[in-house]
């Protein structure tokens, strides 16, 4: 059974940092590109960042320079390091790979 499990969300003040993790099971993780998405209240889910099997990364414009996606194939894990967080980054964050979604982890940026 393919499963993606996110963790690392929480409440953080503006300007703070969080690192999200997504652990995959049931797949050969290294052969899949992975991505992070987010969905804010009342809005559609949007793509945030992606990483290829070879480690090439891409970012949505609003997070460039603040977020970093990375992967550790030995641990079947993809990460999203989020720095300089803003209130508009508040959302449920999901990872995706192999056409599978995780359950999401809530990130709230508020003072």
C-alpha atoms as a PDB file:
ATOM      1  CA  UNK A   1       0.000   0.000   0.000  1.00  0.00           C
ATOM      2  CA  UNK A   2       1.432   3.349  -1.072  1.00  0.00           C
ATOM      3  CA  UNK A   3       1.406   5.948   1.665  1.00  0.00           C
ATOM      4  CA  UNK A   4       2.768   9.458   2.175  1.00  0.00           C
ATOM      5  CA  UNK A   5       2.837  10.882   5.698  1.00  0.00           C
ATOM      6  CA  UNK A   6       3.595  14.545   6.334  1.00  0.00           C
ATOM      7  CA  UNK A   7       4.760  16.069   9.597  1.00  0.00           C
ATOM      8  CA  UNK A   8       6.380  19.213  10.943  1.00  0.00           C
ATOM      9  CA  UNK A   9       3.565  21.710  10.705  1.00  0.00           C
ATOM     10  CA  UNK A  10       2.568  24.032  13.501  1.00  0.00           C
ATOM     11  CA  UNK A  11       2.050  27.596  14.642  1.00  0.00           C
ATOM     12  CA  UNK A  12       4.890  30.024  13.984  1.00  0.00           C
ATOM     13  CA  UNK A  13       5.286  33.788  14.149  1.00  0.00           C
ATOM     14  CA  UNK A  14       5.866  35.833  11.007  1.00  0.00           C
ATOM     15  CA  UNK A  15       9.519  35.639  10.039  1.00  0.00           C
ATOM     16  CA  UNK A  16       9.903  32.226  11.622  1.00  0.00           C
ATOM     17  CA  UNK A  17      10.854  28.877  10.138  1.00  0.00           C
ATOM     18  CA  UNK A  18       9.481  25.370   9.911  1.00  0.00           C
ATOM     19  CA  UNK A  19      10.689  22.189   8.239  1.00  0.00           C
ATOM     20  CA  UNK A  20       8.099  19.829   6.842  1.00  0.00           C
ATOM     21  CA  UNK A  21       8.834  16.171   6.211  1.00  0.00           C
ATOM     22  CA  UNK A  22       7.035  13.632   4.060  1.00  0.00           C
ATOM     23  CA  UNK A  23       7.884   9.961   4.455  1.00  0.00           C
ATOM     24  CA  UNK A  24       6.908   7.581   1.675  1.00  0.00           C
ATOM     25  CA  UNK A  25       6.215   3.878   1.971  1.00  0.00           C
ATOM     26  CA  UNK A  26       5.132   1.236  -0.487  1.00  0.00           C
ATOM     27  CA  UNK A  27       6.921   2.795  -3.448  1.00  0.00           C
ATOM     28  CA  UNK A  28      10.404   2.875  -4.907  1.00  0.00           C
ATOM     29  CA  UNK A  29      10.823   6.451  -3.747  1.00  0.00           C
ATOM     30  CA  UNK A  30      13.948   7.268  -5.735  1.00  0.00           C
ATOM     31  CA  UNK A  31      12.275   6.882  -9.132  1.00  0.00           C
ATOM     32  CA  UNK A  32       9.539   9.448  -8.496  1.00  0.00           C
ATOM     33  CA  UNK A  33       9.543  13.211  -8.702  1.00  0.00           C
ATOM     34  CA  UNK A  34       8.008  14.699  -5.572  1.00  0.00           C
ATOM     35  CA  UNK A  35       6.141  17.893  -4.875  1.00  0.00           C
ATOM     36  CA  UNK A  36       4.719  20.035  -2.119  1.00  0.00           C
ATOM     37  CA  UNK A  37       1.340  21.716  -2.462  1.00  0.00           C
ATOM     38  CA  UNK A  38      -0.763  23.853  -0.128  1.00  0.00           C
ATOM     39  CA  UNK A  39      -4.382  24.763   0.307  1.00  0.00           C
ATOM     40  CA  UNK A  40      -5.465  27.853   2.211  1.00  0.00           C
ATOM     41  CA  UNK A  41      -9.008  28.213   3.570  1.00  0.00           C
ATOM     42  CA  UNK A  42     -11.436  29.000   0.781  1.00  0.00           C
ATOM     43  CA  UNK A  43      -8.806  28.593  -1.929  1.00  0.00           C
ATOM     44  CA  UNK A  44      -7.818  25.904  -4.384  1.00  0.00           C
ATOM     45  CA  UNK A  45      -4.848  23.673  -3.758  1.00  0.00           C
ATOM     46  CA  UNK A  46      -1.728  25.138  -5.350  1.00  0.00           C
ATOM     47  CA  UNK A  47       1.692  23.806  -6.223  1.00  0.00           C
ATOM     48  CA  UNK A  48       4.533  25.136  -4.078  1.00  0.00           C
ATOM     49  CA  UNK A  49       7.720  23.291  -4.990  1.00  0.00           C
ATOM     50  CA  UNK A  50       8.945  20.222  -6.829  1.00  0.00           C
ATOM     51  CA  UNK A  51      12.058  18.090  -6.982  1.00  0.00           C
ATOM     52  CA  UNK A  52      13.014  15.682  -9.730  1.00  0.00           C
ATOM     53  CA  UNK A  53      14.590  12.273  -9.312  1.00  0.00           C
ATOM     54  CA  UNK A  54      17.927  13.912 -10.056  1.00  0.00           C
ATOM     55  CA  UNK A  55      17.456  16.656  -7.482  1.00  0.00           C
ATOM     56  CA  UNK A  56      16.456  19.500  -9.801  1.00  0.00           C
ATOM     57  CA  UNK A  57      14.175  21.881  -7.930  1.00  0.00           C
ATOM     58  CA  UNK A  58      11.484  24.352  -8.936  1.00  0.00           C
ATOM     59  CA  UNK A  59       9.457  26.819  -6.899  1.00  0.00           C
ATOM     60  CA  UNK A  60       6.304  28.851  -7.122  1.00  0.00           C
ATOM     61  CA  UNK A  61       7.263  32.503  -7.410  1.00  0.00           C
ATOM     62  CA  UNK A  62       5.970  33.632  -4.030  1.00  0.00           C
ATOM     63  CA  UNK A  63       8.196  31.169  -2.143  1.00  0.00           C
ATOM     64  CA  UNK A  64      11.392  31.480  -4.168  1.00  0.00           C
ATOM     65  CA  UNK A  65      14.309  32.401  -1.942  1.00  0.00           C
ATOM     66  CA  UNK A  66      12.378  31.464   1.209  1.00  0.00           C
ATOM     67  CA  UNK A  67      11.519  27.765   0.779  1.00  0.00           C
ATOM     68  CA  UNK A  68      13.862  24.903  -0.056  1.00  0.00           C
ATOM     69  CA  UNK A  69      12.758  21.449  -1.158  1.00  0.00           C
ATOM     70  CA  UNK A  70      15.124  18.513  -0.761  1.00  0.00           C
ATOM     71  CA  UNK A  71      15.016  14.741  -0.688  1.00  0.00           C
ATOM     72  CA  UNK A  72      16.818  11.889   1.034  1.00  0.00           C
ATOM     73  CA  UNK A  73      16.287   8.740  -0.987  1.00  0.00           C
ATOM     74  CA  UNK A  74      17.895   6.575   1.698  1.00  0.00           C
ATOM     75  CA  UNK A  75      15.152   7.692   4.083  1.00  0.00           C
ATOM     76  CA  UNK A  76      12.316   7.797   1.520  1.00  0.00           C
ATOM     77  CA  UNK A  77      11.732  11.364   2.635  1.00  0.00           C
ATOM     78  CA  UNK A  78      11.149  14.717   0.998  1.00  0.00           C
ATOM     79  CA  UNK A  79      11.535  17.925   2.989  1.00  0.00           C
ATOM     80  CA  UNK A  80      10.340  21.494   2.709  1.00  0.00           C
ATOM     81  CA  UNK A  81      12.400  24.017   4.658  1.00  0.00           C
ATOM     82  CA  UNK A  82      10.355  27.182   5.045  1.00  0.00           C
ATOM     83  CA  UNK A  83      12.049  30.374   6.183  1.00  0.00           C
ATOM     84  CA  UNK A  84      10.857  33.970   6.521  1.00  0.00           C
ATOM     85  CA  UNK A  85       7.301  32.738   6.839  1.00  0.00           C
ATOM     86  CA  UNK A  86       4.450  35.133   6.158  1.00  0.00           C
ATOM     87  CA  UNK A  87       0.791  35.048   7.239  1.00  0.00           C
ATOM     88  CA  UNK A  88      -0.147  34.322   3.622  1.00  0.00           C
ATOM     89  CA  UNK A  89       1.799  31.046   3.864  1.00  0.00           C
ATOM     90  CA  UNK A  90      -0.873  29.749   6.245  1.00  0.00           C
ATOM     91  CA  UNK A  91      -2.363  26.609   4.718  1.00  0.00           C
ATOM     92  CA  UNK A  92      -2.533  22.857   4.891  1.00  0.00           C
ATOM     93  CA  UNK A  93       0.589  21.543   3.184  1.00  0.00           C
ATOM     94  CA  UNK A  94       0.494  18.286   1.228  1.00  0.00           C
ATOM     95  CA  UNK A  95       3.162  16.216  -0.437  1.00  0.00           C
ATOM     96  CA  UNK A  96       2.539  14.346  -3.655  1.00  0.00           C
ATOM     97  CA  UNK A  97       4.331  11.674  -5.576  1.00  0.00           C
ATOM     98  CA  UNK A  98       3.461   8.610  -7.619  1.00  0.00           C
ATOM     99  CA  UNK A  99      -0.045  10.063  -7.967  1.00  0.00           C
ATOM    100  CA  UNK A 100      -0.535   9.723  -4.219  1.00  0.00           C
ATOM    101  CA  UNK A 101      -1.376  12.466  -1.718  1.00  0.00           C
ATOM    102  CA  UNK A 102      -0.498  12.639   1.931  1.00  0.00           C
ATOM    103  CA  UNK A 103      -3.024  13.648   4.569  1.00  0.00           C
ATOM    104  CA  UNK A 104      -1.569  17.117   4.982  1.00  0.00           C
ATOM    105  CA  UNK A 105      -0.028  19.096   7.808  1.00  0.00           C
ATOM    106  CA  UNK A 106      -1.310  22.459   9.021  1.00  0.00           C
ATOM    107  CA  UNK A 107       0.985  25.477   8.935  1.00  0.00           C
ATOM    108  CA  UNK A 108      -0.253  28.625  10.642  1.00  0.00           C
ATOM    109  CA  UNK A 109       1.750  31.843  10.540  1.00  0.00           C
ATOM    110  CA  UNK A 110       0.412  34.342  13.023  1.00  0.00           C
ATOM    111  CA  UNK A 111       1.534  36.668  15.765  1.00  0.00           C
END
